[in-house]
Amino acid sequence: MFKILSVSLISATVALAAIPQQANAGGRGIALGVGLGAGVLMHSAHKSHRASQRRAIARRRAAQRHAAARRKALARKQQAAYARKAAIAKKKKQARFAAKKRQAAKQAAIAKQRQLARQAEATRQNEQELVANVELPGKKPATKTFNVAEADVAEYDYELDSYSTSYEPVQQLDCKRFIPSAGLTITVPCGN
């Protein structure tokens, strides 16, 4: 800015200096060299002014490019931060899902163990009952005792220990017959 001011001041001084020379020469032709010099000075001042304008425009454009680059960098940082947060959230969600799955598997395993324990206990009790009910050749059969009131005994008038312990072969009461036309086997009473 100061350059332009100083150049214009110099050109104005030279132009004023040329006025008396024109008057001495009768106003013709002599002032031409001085006037041309002032024009060249003015042209160079104008050139200097345009150059400073171009430099200012270039600085503004560089500042705009720099600001745009900063905005892009900030946007990339924000996008990267968002991606990191999304990845962390996804990992946390997967961890919660895996924990729930492990908990469900653990509960299922405990329930399975309890069921197997109940089945083993029931099997053991059944085996003990079967072993207790097996009659060995030298062993007497176990007699069951019933708590029956005397009134009940008088009412029904039968003896509780009157069952037979003999092992007589039982006659088969029913027979199986095949009917070829129907393709069936049926059970019918046996005859002599």
N, C-alpha and C. Protein backbone atom coordinates (compact mmCIF):
# COMPACT_ATOMS: atom_id res chain seq x y z
N MET A 1 0.83 -1.18 0.00
CA MET A 1 0.00 0.00 0.00
C MET A 1 0.88 1.26 0.00
N PHE A 2 1.94 1.17 0.79
CA PHE A 2 2.84 2.33 0.86
C PHE A 2 3.61 2.50 -0.44
N LYS A 3 3.85 1.42 -1.15
CA LYS A 3 4.54 1.51 -2.43
C LYS A 3 3.72 2.31 -3.42
N ILE A 4 2.47 2.00 -3.48
CA ILE A 4 1.59 2.69 -4.42
C ILE A 4 1.54 4.18 -4.08
N LEU A 5 1.42 4.48 -2.84
CA LEU A 5 1.37 5.87 -2.40
C LEU A 5 2.66 6.61 -2.74
N SER A 6 3.78 5.96 -2.49
CA SER A 6 5.06 6.61 -2.80
C SER A 6 5.25 6.76 -4.30
N VAL A 7 4.88 5.76 -5.09
CA VAL A 7 5.01 5.84 -6.55
C VAL A 7 4.12 6.93 -7.09
N SER A 8 2.90 7.01 -6.62
CA SER A 8 1.99 8.06 -7.11
C SER A 8 2.48 9.45 -6.70
N LEU A 9 3.09 9.60 -5.54
CA LEU A 9 3.65 10.88 -5.10
C LEU A 9 4.81 11.31 -6.01
N ILE A 10 5.67 10.36 -6.35
CA ILE A 10 6.80 10.66 -7.24
C ILE A 10 6.31 11.06 -8.62
N SER A 11 5.32 10.32 -9.14
CA SER A 11 4.83 10.65 -10.48
C SER A 11 4.13 12.01 -10.50
N ALA A 12 3.45 12.34 -9.43
CA ALA A 12 2.80 13.66 -9.36
C ALA A 12 3.85 14.76 -9.31
N THR A 13 4.96 14.55 -8.60
CA THR A 13 6.03 15.54 -8.52
C THR A 13 6.67 15.74 -9.88
N VAL A 14 6.91 14.69 -10.61
CA VAL A 14 7.52 14.79 -11.94
C VAL A 14 6.58 15.51 -12.89
N ALA A 15 5.27 15.21 -12.78
CA ALA A 15 4.29 15.86 -13.67
C ALA A 15 4.24 17.35 -13.42
N LEU A 16 4.33 17.75 -12.17
CA LEU A 16 4.31 19.19 -11.84
C LEU A 16 5.60 19.87 -12.32
N ALA A 17 6.68 19.13 -12.28
CA ALA A 17 7.94 19.69 -12.73
C ALA A 17 7.93 19.92 -14.24
N ALA A 18 7.15 19.17 -14.97
CA ALA A 18 7.12 19.29 -16.42
C ALA A 18 6.29 20.48 -16.88
N ILE A 19 5.42 21.00 -16.07
CA ILE A 19 4.55 22.12 -16.47
C ILE A 19 5.35 23.38 -16.84
N PRO A 20 6.32 23.81 -16.01
CA PRO A 20 7.06 25.02 -16.41
C PRO A 20 7.84 24.84 -17.72
N GLN A 21 8.34 23.65 -18.03
CA GLN A 21 9.09 23.44 -19.26
C GLN A 21 8.16 23.61 -20.46
N GLN A 22 6.93 23.16 -20.34
CA GLN A 22 5.99 23.31 -21.44
C GLN A 22 5.68 24.79 -21.68
N ALA A 23 5.62 25.54 -20.64
CA ALA A 23 5.32 26.97 -20.79
C ALA A 23 6.47 27.69 -21.49
N ASN A 24 7.71 27.35 -21.21
CA ASN A 24 8.86 27.98 -21.82
C ASN A 24 8.96 27.62 -23.30
N ALA A 25 8.55 26.47 -23.69
CA ALA A 25 8.67 26.04 -25.07
C ALA A 25 7.45 26.44 -25.86
N GLY A 26 6.59 27.15 -25.31
CA GLY A 26 5.40 27.58 -26.02
C GLY A 26 4.33 26.53 -26.00
N GLY A 27 4.50 25.57 -25.15
CA GLY A 27 3.47 24.56 -24.98
C GLY A 27 3.53 23.49 -26.04
N ARG A 28 4.65 23.38 -26.79
CA ARG A 28 4.66 22.38 -27.84
C ARG A 28 5.86 21.45 -27.71
N GLY A 29 5.66 20.19 -27.77
CA GLY A 29 6.62 19.15 -27.98
C GLY A 29 7.69 18.92 -26.93
N ILE A 30 8.10 19.86 -26.17
CA ILE A 30 9.21 19.64 -25.25
C ILE A 30 8.73 18.84 -24.04
N ALA A 31 7.58 19.02 -23.62
CA ALA A 31 7.06 18.33 -22.43
C ALA A 31 6.76 16.87 -22.71
N LEU A 32 6.96 16.46 -23.91
CA LEU A 32 6.63 15.09 -24.27
C LEU A 32 7.49 14.07 -23.53
N GLY A 33 8.75 14.25 -23.42
CA GLY A 33 9.61 13.30 -22.73
C GLY A 33 9.27 13.18 -21.27
N VAL A 34 8.97 14.30 -20.67
CA VAL A 34 8.63 14.26 -19.24
C VAL A 34 7.28 13.61 -19.06
N GLY A 35 6.34 13.91 -19.91
CA GLY A 35 5.00 13.32 -19.82
C GLY A 35 5.05 11.81 -20.03
N LEU A 36 5.90 11.38 -20.93
CA LEU A 36 6.05 9.96 -21.19
C LEU A 36 6.65 9.26 -19.98
N GLY A 37 7.57 9.90 -19.32
CA GLY A 37 8.17 9.35 -18.11
C GLY A 37 7.14 9.20 -17.01
N ALA A 38 6.27 10.20 -16.88
CA ALA A 38 5.23 10.11 -15.86
C ALA A 38 4.27 8.98 -16.19
N GLY A 39 3.99 8.77 -17.49
CA GLY A 39 3.09 7.68 -17.90
C GLY A 39 3.70 6.32 -17.58
N VAL A 40 5.03 6.21 -17.81
CA VAL A 40 5.71 4.96 -17.51
C VAL A 40 5.69 4.71 -16.02
N LEU A 41 5.92 5.80 -15.24
CA LEU A 41 5.87 5.66 -13.79
C LEU A 41 4.47 5.24 -13.33
N MET A 42 3.45 5.83 -13.91
CA MET A 42 2.07 5.49 -13.53
C MET A 42 1.76 4.05 -13.92
N HIS A 43 2.27 3.64 -15.10
CA HIS A 43 2.04 2.27 -15.54
C HIS A 43 2.72 1.27 -14.60
N SER A 44 3.93 1.57 -14.17
CA SER A 44 4.62 0.67 -13.25
C SER A 44 3.92 0.63 -11.89
N ALA A 45 3.37 1.80 -11.48
CA ALA A 45 2.62 1.84 -10.22
C ALA A 45 1.37 0.97 -10.33
N HIS A 46 0.71 1.06 -11.48
CA HIS A 46 -0.49 0.25 -11.70
C HIS A 46 -0.12 -1.24 -11.72
N LYS A 47 0.99 -1.55 -12.37
CA LYS A 47 1.47 -2.91 -12.42
C LYS A 47 1.77 -3.44 -11.01
N SER A 48 2.39 -2.62 -10.22
CA SER A 48 2.71 -2.98 -8.84
C SER A 48 1.44 -3.21 -8.04
N HIS A 49 0.45 -2.35 -8.26
CA HIS A 49 -0.83 -2.49 -7.55
C HIS A 49 -1.51 -3.79 -7.95
N ARG A 50 -1.52 -4.13 -9.25
CA ARG A 50 -2.14 -5.38 -9.72
C ARG A 50 -1.39 -6.60 -9.13
N ALA A 51 -0.07 -6.49 -9.04
CA ALA A 51 0.71 -7.59 -8.49
C ALA A 51 0.36 -7.79 -7.01
N SER A 52 0.22 -6.70 -6.28
CA SER A 52 -0.15 -6.84 -4.87
C SER A 52 -1.55 -7.41 -4.72
N GLN A 53 -2.46 -7.05 -5.65
CA GLN A 53 -3.81 -7.63 -5.61
C GLN A 53 -3.75 -9.14 -5.88
N ARG A 54 -2.93 -9.51 -6.88
CA ARG A 54 -2.79 -10.94 -7.18
C ARG A 54 -2.22 -11.70 -5.99
N ARG A 55 -1.22 -11.10 -5.34
CA ARG A 55 -0.64 -11.76 -4.17
C ARG A 55 -1.69 -11.90 -3.05
N ALA A 56 -2.52 -10.88 -2.86
CA ALA A 56 -3.57 -10.94 -1.84
C ALA A 56 -4.59 -12.02 -2.18
N ILE A 57 -4.94 -12.09 -3.46
CA ILE A 57 -5.89 -13.13 -3.90
C ILE A 57 -5.28 -14.51 -3.68
N ALA A 58 -4.00 -14.65 -4.02
CA ALA A 58 -3.32 -15.93 -3.83
C ALA A 58 -3.26 -16.30 -2.35
N ARG A 59 -3.01 -15.31 -1.48
CA ARG A 59 -2.99 -15.59 -0.04
C ARG A 59 -4.37 -16.04 0.45
N ARG A 60 -5.42 -15.35 -0.04
CA ARG A 60 -6.78 -15.73 0.35
C ARG A 60 -7.11 -17.15 -0.11
N ARG A 61 -6.74 -17.47 -1.35
CA ARG A 61 -7.01 -18.81 -1.87
C ARG A 61 -6.22 -19.87 -1.09
N ALA A 62 -4.99 -19.55 -0.75
CA ALA A 62 -4.18 -20.49 0.04
C ALA A 62 -4.81 -20.69 1.41
N ALA A 63 -5.30 -19.59 2.00
CA ALA A 63 -5.96 -19.70 3.30
C ALA A 63 -7.24 -20.54 3.19
N GLN A 64 -7.98 -20.35 2.08
CA GLN A 64 -9.19 -21.14 1.87
C GLN A 64 -8.86 -22.63 1.70
N ARG A 65 -7.79 -22.90 0.90
CA ARG A 65 -7.38 -24.29 0.71
C ARG A 65 -6.93 -24.91 2.04
N HIS A 66 -6.20 -24.13 2.82
CA HIS A 66 -5.73 -24.61 4.13
C HIS A 66 -6.93 -24.89 5.05
N ALA A 67 -7.92 -24.00 5.06
CA ALA A 67 -9.11 -24.19 5.89
C ALA A 67 -9.89 -25.43 5.42
N ALA A 68 -10.00 -25.61 4.09
CA ALA A 68 -10.70 -26.78 3.56
C ALA A 68 -9.96 -28.06 3.95
N ALA A 69 -8.62 -28.02 3.88
CA ALA A 69 -7.83 -29.19 4.27
C ALA A 69 -8.01 -29.50 5.76
N ARG A 70 -8.06 -28.45 6.58
CA ARG A 70 -8.29 -28.66 8.02
C ARG A 70 -9.66 -29.26 8.28
N ARG A 71 -10.69 -28.75 7.54
CA ARG A 71 -12.05 -29.30 7.70
C ARG A 71 -12.09 -30.77 7.29
N LYS A 72 -11.40 -31.12 6.19
CA LYS A 72 -11.37 -32.52 5.74
C LYS A 72 -10.65 -33.39 6.77
N ALA A 73 -9.55 -32.89 7.31
CA ALA A 73 -8.80 -33.65 8.31
C ALA A 73 -9.66 -33.86 9.56
N LEU A 74 -10.38 -32.81 9.97
CA LEU A 74 -11.26 -32.92 11.13
C LEU A 74 -12.37 -33.93 10.86
N ALA A 75 -12.93 -33.89 9.65
CA ALA A 75 -13.99 -34.84 9.29
C ALA A 75 -13.45 -36.27 9.31
N ARG A 76 -12.22 -36.48 8.80
CA ARG A 76 -11.62 -37.81 8.82
C ARG A 76 -11.40 -38.28 10.27
N LYS A 77 -10.94 -37.37 11.13
CA LYS A 77 -10.73 -37.74 12.54
C LYS A 77 -12.05 -38.12 13.20
N GLN A 78 -13.11 -37.33 12.91
CA GLN A 78 -14.41 -37.64 13.51
C GLN A 78 -14.94 -38.97 13.00
N GLN A 79 -14.74 -39.22 11.69
CA GLN A 79 -15.21 -40.48 11.13
C GLN A 79 -14.44 -41.65 11.73
N ALA A 80 -13.14 -41.50 11.92
CA ALA A 80 -12.33 -42.55 12.53
C ALA A 80 -12.77 -42.78 13.97
N ALA A 81 -13.05 -41.70 14.70
CA ALA A 81 -13.51 -41.84 16.09
C ALA A 81 -14.86 -42.56 16.13
N TYR A 82 -15.75 -42.21 15.19
CA TYR A 82 -17.05 -42.88 15.13
C TYR A 82 -16.87 -44.36 14.82
N ALA A 83 -15.96 -44.68 13.89
CA ALA A 83 -15.71 -46.08 13.54
C ALA A 83 -15.15 -46.84 14.75
N ARG A 84 -14.24 -46.20 15.50
CA ARG A 84 -13.69 -46.85 16.69
C ARG A 84 -14.79 -47.10 17.72
N LYS A 85 -15.65 -46.10 17.94
CA LYS A 85 -16.74 -46.27 18.90
C LYS A 85 -17.68 -47.38 18.46
N ALA A 86 -17.97 -47.43 17.15
CA ALA A 86 -18.86 -48.48 16.63
C ALA A 86 -18.22 -49.85 16.82
N ALA A 87 -16.92 -49.96 16.57
CA ALA A 87 -16.23 -51.24 16.75
C ALA A 87 -16.24 -51.66 18.22
N ILE A 88 -16.01 -50.71 19.12
CA ILE A 88 -16.03 -51.02 20.56
C ILE A 88 -17.43 -51.46 20.98
N ALA A 89 -18.46 -50.74 20.48
CA ALA A 89 -19.84 -51.11 20.81
C ALA A 89 -20.17 -52.51 20.29
N LYS A 90 -19.68 -52.83 19.09
CA LYS A 90 -19.93 -54.15 18.51
C LYS A 90 -19.25 -55.23 19.34
N LYS A 91 -18.01 -54.98 19.77
CA LYS A 91 -17.31 -55.96 20.60
C LYS A 91 -18.02 -56.15 21.93
N LYS A 92 -18.49 -55.04 22.53
CA LYS A 92 -19.21 -55.15 23.80
C LYS A 92 -20.50 -55.96 23.63
N LYS A 93 -21.21 -55.71 22.52
CA LYS A 93 -22.45 -56.43 22.26
C LYS A 93 -22.17 -57.92 22.07
N GLN A 94 -21.10 -58.24 21.33
CA GLN A 94 -20.73 -59.64 21.14
C GLN A 94 -20.33 -60.28 22.47
N ALA A 95 -19.64 -59.52 23.32
CA ALA A 95 -19.23 -60.05 24.62
C ALA A 95 -20.45 -60.33 25.49
N ARG A 96 -21.43 -59.39 25.48
CA ARG A 96 -22.66 -59.61 26.25
C ARG A 96 -23.40 -60.84 25.74
N PHE A 97 -23.48 -60.98 24.41
CA PHE A 97 -24.17 -62.13 23.82
C PHE A 97 -23.46 -63.42 24.20
N ALA A 98 -22.13 -63.42 24.12
CA ALA A 98 -21.35 -64.61 24.49
C ALA A 98 -21.54 -64.94 25.97
N ALA A 99 -21.58 -63.93 26.83
CA ALA A 99 -21.78 -64.16 28.26
C ALA A 99 -23.16 -64.77 28.51
N LYS A 100 -24.17 -64.24 27.83
CA LYS A 100 -25.52 -64.81 27.99
C LYS A 100 -25.55 -66.25 27.49
N LYS A 101 -24.86 -66.50 26.38
CA LYS A 101 -24.82 -67.85 25.83
C LYS A 101 -24.11 -68.81 26.79
N ARG A 102 -22.98 -68.34 27.37
CA ARG A 102 -22.26 -69.18 28.34
C ARG A 102 -23.14 -69.44 29.56
N GLN A 103 -23.85 -68.42 30.03
CA GLN A 103 -24.72 -68.57 31.20
C GLN A 103 -25.83 -69.58 30.90
N ALA A 104 -26.42 -69.48 29.71
CA ALA A 104 -27.48 -70.42 29.34
C ALA A 104 -26.93 -71.84 29.24
N ALA A 105 -25.73 -71.98 28.68
CA ALA A 105 -25.11 -73.31 28.57
C ALA A 105 -24.81 -73.87 29.95
N LYS A 106 -24.34 -73.01 30.85
CA LYS A 106 -24.03 -73.45 32.21
C LYS A 106 -25.31 -73.91 32.91
N GLN A 107 -26.40 -73.14 32.76
CA GLN A 107 -27.66 -73.53 33.38
C GLN A 107 -28.18 -74.83 32.79
N ALA A 108 -28.02 -75.00 31.47
CA ALA A 108 -28.47 -76.23 30.82
C ALA A 108 -27.65 -77.42 31.32
N ALA A 109 -26.33 -77.21 31.51
CA ALA A 109 -25.48 -78.29 32.01
C ALA A 109 -25.88 -78.66 33.44
N ILE A 110 -26.17 -77.66 34.27
CA ILE A 110 -26.59 -77.93 35.64
C ILE A 110 -27.92 -78.69 35.65
N ALA A 111 -28.86 -78.27 34.80
CA ALA A 111 -30.15 -78.96 34.72
C ALA A 111 -29.96 -80.39 34.25
N LYS A 112 -29.08 -80.59 33.27
CA LYS A 112 -28.80 -81.94 32.76
C LYS A 112 -28.19 -82.81 33.86
N GLN A 113 -27.25 -82.26 34.64
CA GLN A 113 -26.64 -83.00 35.74
C GLN A 113 -27.69 -83.38 36.79
N ARG A 114 -28.57 -82.44 37.09
CA ARG A 114 -29.62 -82.73 38.08
C ARG A 114 -30.54 -83.84 37.57
N GLN A 115 -30.89 -83.76 36.28
CA GLN A 115 -31.76 -84.78 35.70
C GLN A 115 -31.08 -86.14 35.73
N LEU A 116 -29.81 -86.19 35.37
CA LEU A 116 -29.07 -87.45 35.40
C LEU A 116 -28.97 -87.99 36.83
N ALA A 117 -28.77 -87.10 37.80
CA ALA A 117 -28.70 -87.52 39.20
C ALA A 117 -30.03 -88.10 39.65
N ARG A 118 -31.15 -87.45 39.25
CA ARG A 118 -32.48 -87.97 39.62
C ARG A 118 -32.71 -89.34 38.98
N GLN A 119 -32.31 -89.47 37.70
CA GLN A 119 -32.48 -90.76 37.03
C GLN A 119 -31.63 -91.84 37.68
N ALA A 120 -30.39 -91.50 38.04
CA ALA A 120 -29.52 -92.47 38.69
C ALA A 120 -30.09 -92.89 40.05
N GLU A 121 -30.62 -91.93 40.80
CA GLU A 121 -31.22 -92.24 42.10
C GLU A 121 -32.44 -93.14 41.93
N ALA A 122 -33.28 -92.83 40.93
CA ALA A 122 -34.46 -93.66 40.69
C ALA A 122 -34.05 -95.07 40.26
N THR A 123 -33.04 -95.18 39.42
CA THR A 123 -32.55 -96.49 38.99
C THR A 123 -31.98 -97.27 40.17
N ARG A 124 -31.22 -96.59 41.02
CA ARG A 124 -30.65 -97.25 42.19
C ARG A 124 -31.74 -97.76 43.12
N GLN A 125 -32.78 -96.95 43.34
CA GLN A 125 -33.88 -97.38 44.20
C GLN A 125 -34.62 -98.58 43.59
N ASN A 126 -34.84 -98.53 42.27
CA ASN A 126 -35.52 -99.66 41.62
C ASN A 126 -34.69 -100.93 41.74
N GLU A 127 -33.38 -100.82 41.57
CA GLU A 127 -32.51 -101.99 41.70
C GLU A 127 -32.53 -102.53 43.12
N GLN A 128 -32.54 -101.63 44.10
CA GLN A 128 -32.59 -102.08 45.50
C GLN A 128 -33.90 -102.81 45.79
N GLU A 129 -35.00 -102.29 45.25
CA GLU A 129 -36.29 -102.95 45.45
C GLU A 129 -36.30 -104.32 44.79
N LEU A 130 -35.74 -104.40 43.57
CA LEU A 130 -35.70 -105.69 42.88
C LEU A 130 -34.85 -106.70 43.64
N VAL A 131 -33.70 -106.24 44.13
CA VAL A 131 -32.82 -107.13 44.88
C VAL A 131 -33.51 -107.58 46.17
N ALA A 132 -34.23 -106.70 46.81
CA ALA A 132 -34.91 -107.06 48.06
C ALA A 132 -36.05 -108.05 47.81
N ASN A 133 -36.68 -107.97 46.63
CA ASN A 133 -37.81 -108.84 46.33
C ASN A 133 -37.40 -110.19 45.73
N VAL A 134 -36.14 -110.35 45.38
CA VAL A 134 -35.69 -111.62 44.81
C VAL A 134 -35.64 -112.66 45.93
N GLU A 135 -36.24 -113.82 45.68
CA GLU A 135 -36.24 -114.89 46.66
C GLU A 135 -35.10 -115.84 46.33
N LEU A 136 -34.21 -116.00 47.26
CA LEU A 136 -33.12 -116.95 47.10
C LEU A 136 -33.55 -118.28 47.65
N PRO A 137 -32.94 -119.41 47.24
CA PRO A 137 -33.40 -120.73 47.68
C PRO A 137 -33.38 -120.90 49.20
N GLY A 138 -32.44 -120.36 49.89
CA GLY A 138 -32.38 -120.56 51.33
C GLY A 138 -33.01 -119.43 52.11
N LYS A 139 -33.62 -118.52 51.45
CA LYS A 139 -34.16 -117.34 52.10
C LYS A 139 -35.67 -117.42 52.15
N LYS A 140 -36.23 -117.02 53.26
CA LYS A 140 -37.68 -117.01 53.39
C LYS A 140 -38.22 -115.74 52.74
N PRO A 141 -39.41 -115.83 52.16
CA PRO A 141 -39.98 -114.62 51.56
C PRO A 141 -40.32 -113.59 52.62
N ALA A 142 -40.16 -112.38 52.27
CA ALA A 142 -40.45 -111.31 53.22
C ALA A 142 -41.95 -111.21 53.40
N THR A 143 -42.37 -111.12 54.63
CA THR A 143 -43.79 -110.98 54.90
C THR A 143 -44.08 -109.52 55.15
N LYS A 144 -45.16 -109.11 54.58
CA LYS A 144 -45.53 -107.72 54.74
C LYS A 144 -46.48 -107.62 55.91
N THR A 145 -46.34 -106.59 56.67
CA THR A 145 -47.24 -106.36 57.79
C THR A 145 -48.14 -105.21 57.42
N PHE A 146 -49.38 -105.38 57.73
CA PHE A 146 -50.36 -104.35 57.42
C PHE A 146 -50.96 -103.85 58.72
N ASN A 147 -51.16 -102.58 58.81
CA ASN A 147 -51.82 -102.00 59.98
C ASN A 147 -53.31 -101.92 59.67
N VAL A 148 -54.03 -102.89 60.20
CA VAL A 148 -55.46 -102.95 59.94
C VAL A 148 -56.18 -102.89 61.27
N ALA A 149 -57.16 -102.07 61.32
CA ALA A 149 -57.95 -101.97 62.55
C ALA A 149 -58.77 -103.25 62.73
N GLU A 150 -59.10 -103.60 63.98
CA GLU A 150 -59.86 -104.83 64.25
C GLU A 150 -61.24 -104.78 63.65
N ALA A 151 -61.80 -103.62 63.57
CA ALA A 151 -63.13 -103.49 62.98
C ALA A 151 -63.09 -103.85 61.50
N ASP A 152 -62.03 -103.53 60.83
CA ASP A 152 -61.91 -103.85 59.41
C ASP A 152 -61.78 -105.36 59.21
N VAL A 153 -61.09 -106.03 60.12
CA VAL A 153 -60.90 -107.47 60.00
C VAL A 153 -62.23 -108.18 60.22
N ALA A 154 -62.96 -107.75 61.18
CA ALA A 154 -64.24 -108.38 61.46
C ALA A 154 -65.22 -108.14 60.32
N GLU A 155 -65.10 -107.03 59.72
CA GLU A 155 -66.04 -106.68 58.66
C GLU A 155 -65.82 -107.54 57.42
N TYR A 156 -64.57 -107.81 57.07
CA TYR A 156 -64.32 -108.56 55.85
C TYR A 156 -64.09 -110.05 56.10
N ASP A 157 -63.77 -110.45 57.26
CA ASP A 157 -63.65 -111.82 57.71
C ASP A 157 -62.82 -112.70 56.76
N TYR A 158 -61.60 -112.36 56.60
CA TYR A 158 -60.68 -113.21 55.88
C TYR A 158 -59.31 -113.06 56.51
N GLU A 159 -58.50 -114.04 56.26
CA GLU A 159 -57.18 -114.05 56.87
C GLU A 159 -56.17 -113.48 55.88
N LEU A 160 -55.32 -112.60 56.37
CA LEU A 160 -54.38 -111.92 55.49
C LEU A 160 -53.23 -112.81 55.05
N ASP A 161 -52.80 -113.75 55.88
CA ASP A 161 -51.64 -114.57 55.55
C ASP A 161 -52.04 -115.90 54.93
N SER A 162 -53.14 -115.99 54.23
CA SER A 162 -53.61 -117.26 53.70
C SER A 162 -53.24 -117.44 52.22
N TYR A 163 -52.32 -116.72 51.72
CA TYR A 163 -51.98 -116.90 50.30
C TYR A 163 -51.05 -118.10 50.15
N SER A 164 -51.07 -118.66 49.00
CA SER A 164 -50.32 -119.89 48.74
C SER A 164 -48.90 -119.55 48.29
N THR A 165 -47.94 -120.30 48.80
CA THR A 165 -46.55 -120.10 48.40
C THR A 165 -46.07 -121.23 47.51
N SER A 166 -46.97 -122.12 47.11
CA SER A 166 -46.55 -123.22 46.24
C SER A 166 -46.45 -122.69 44.80
N TYR A 167 -45.53 -123.34 44.10
CA TYR A 167 -45.30 -122.89 42.72
C TYR A 167 -45.84 -123.96 41.78
N GLU A 168 -47.13 -123.94 41.56
CA GLU A 168 -47.76 -124.89 40.65
C GLU A 168 -47.82 -124.27 39.27
N PRO A 169 -47.59 -125.07 38.26
CA PRO A 169 -47.69 -124.49 36.92
C PRO A 169 -49.12 -124.05 36.63
N VAL A 170 -49.24 -122.91 36.09
CA VAL A 170 -50.56 -122.35 35.80
C VAL A 170 -50.90 -122.73 34.38
N GLN A 171 -52.15 -123.18 34.21
CA GLN A 171 -52.59 -123.57 32.88
C GLN A 171 -52.80 -122.31 32.04
N GLN A 172 -52.36 -122.41 30.78
CA GLN A 172 -52.48 -121.24 29.92
C GLN A 172 -53.94 -121.07 29.57
N LEU A 173 -54.44 -119.84 29.73
CA LEU A 173 -55.85 -119.59 29.55
C LEU A 173 -56.20 -119.08 28.16
N ASP A 174 -55.24 -118.60 27.43
CA ASP A 174 -55.55 -118.10 26.10
C ASP A 174 -54.48 -118.56 25.12
N CYS A 175 -54.89 -118.65 23.86
CA CYS A 175 -53.99 -119.10 22.80
C CYS A 175 -54.02 -118.08 21.67
N LYS A 176 -52.98 -118.13 20.87
CA LYS A 176 -52.90 -117.22 19.73
C LYS A 176 -53.21 -118.01 18.47
N ARG A 177 -54.06 -117.44 17.62
CA ARG A 177 -54.45 -118.07 16.36
C ARG A 177 -54.17 -117.11 15.22
N PHE A 178 -53.65 -117.67 14.12
CA PHE A 178 -53.36 -116.85 12.95
C PHE A 178 -54.48 -117.02 11.94
N ILE A 179 -54.99 -115.90 11.42
CA ILE A 179 -56.05 -115.93 10.41
C ILE A 179 -55.39 -115.47 9.11
N PRO A 180 -55.14 -116.43 8.17
CA PRO A 180 -54.40 -116.07 6.96
C PRO A 180 -55.13 -115.10 6.05
N SER A 181 -56.45 -115.20 5.95
CA SER A 181 -57.16 -114.31 5.02
C SER A 181 -57.06 -112.86 5.46
N ALA A 182 -57.00 -112.59 6.78
CA ALA A 182 -56.89 -111.22 7.28
C ALA A 182 -55.45 -110.84 7.54
N GLY A 183 -54.56 -111.84 7.68
CA GLY A 183 -53.16 -111.56 7.97
C GLY A 183 -52.97 -111.12 9.41
N LEU A 184 -53.82 -111.59 10.32
CA LEU A 184 -53.79 -111.18 11.72
C LEU A 184 -53.58 -112.37 12.64
N THR A 185 -52.99 -112.08 13.78
CA THR A 185 -52.89 -113.07 14.86
C THR A 185 -53.77 -112.56 15.98
N ILE A 186 -54.72 -113.41 16.45
CA ILE A 186 -55.63 -112.99 17.50
C ILE A 186 -55.49 -113.91 18.71
N THR A 187 -55.91 -113.44 19.87
CA THR A 187 -55.87 -114.22 21.10
C THR A 187 -57.27 -114.77 21.36
N VAL A 188 -57.36 -116.08 21.55
CA VAL A 188 -58.66 -116.72 21.78
C VAL A 188 -58.52 -117.67 22.97
N PRO A 189 -59.61 -118.00 23.68
CA PRO A 189 -59.51 -118.97 24.77
C PRO A 189 -59.12 -120.34 24.24
N CYS A 190 -58.25 -120.99 25.00
CA CYS A 190 -57.79 -122.32 24.58
C CYS A 190 -58.86 -123.36 24.90
N GLY A 191 -59.04 -124.25 24.03
CA GLY A 191 -60.00 -125.34 24.26
C GLY A 191 -59.25 -126.66 24.34
N ASN A 192 -59.98 -127.71 24.81
CA ASN A 192 -59.34 -129.04 24.92
C ASN A 192 -59.18 -129.65 23.59
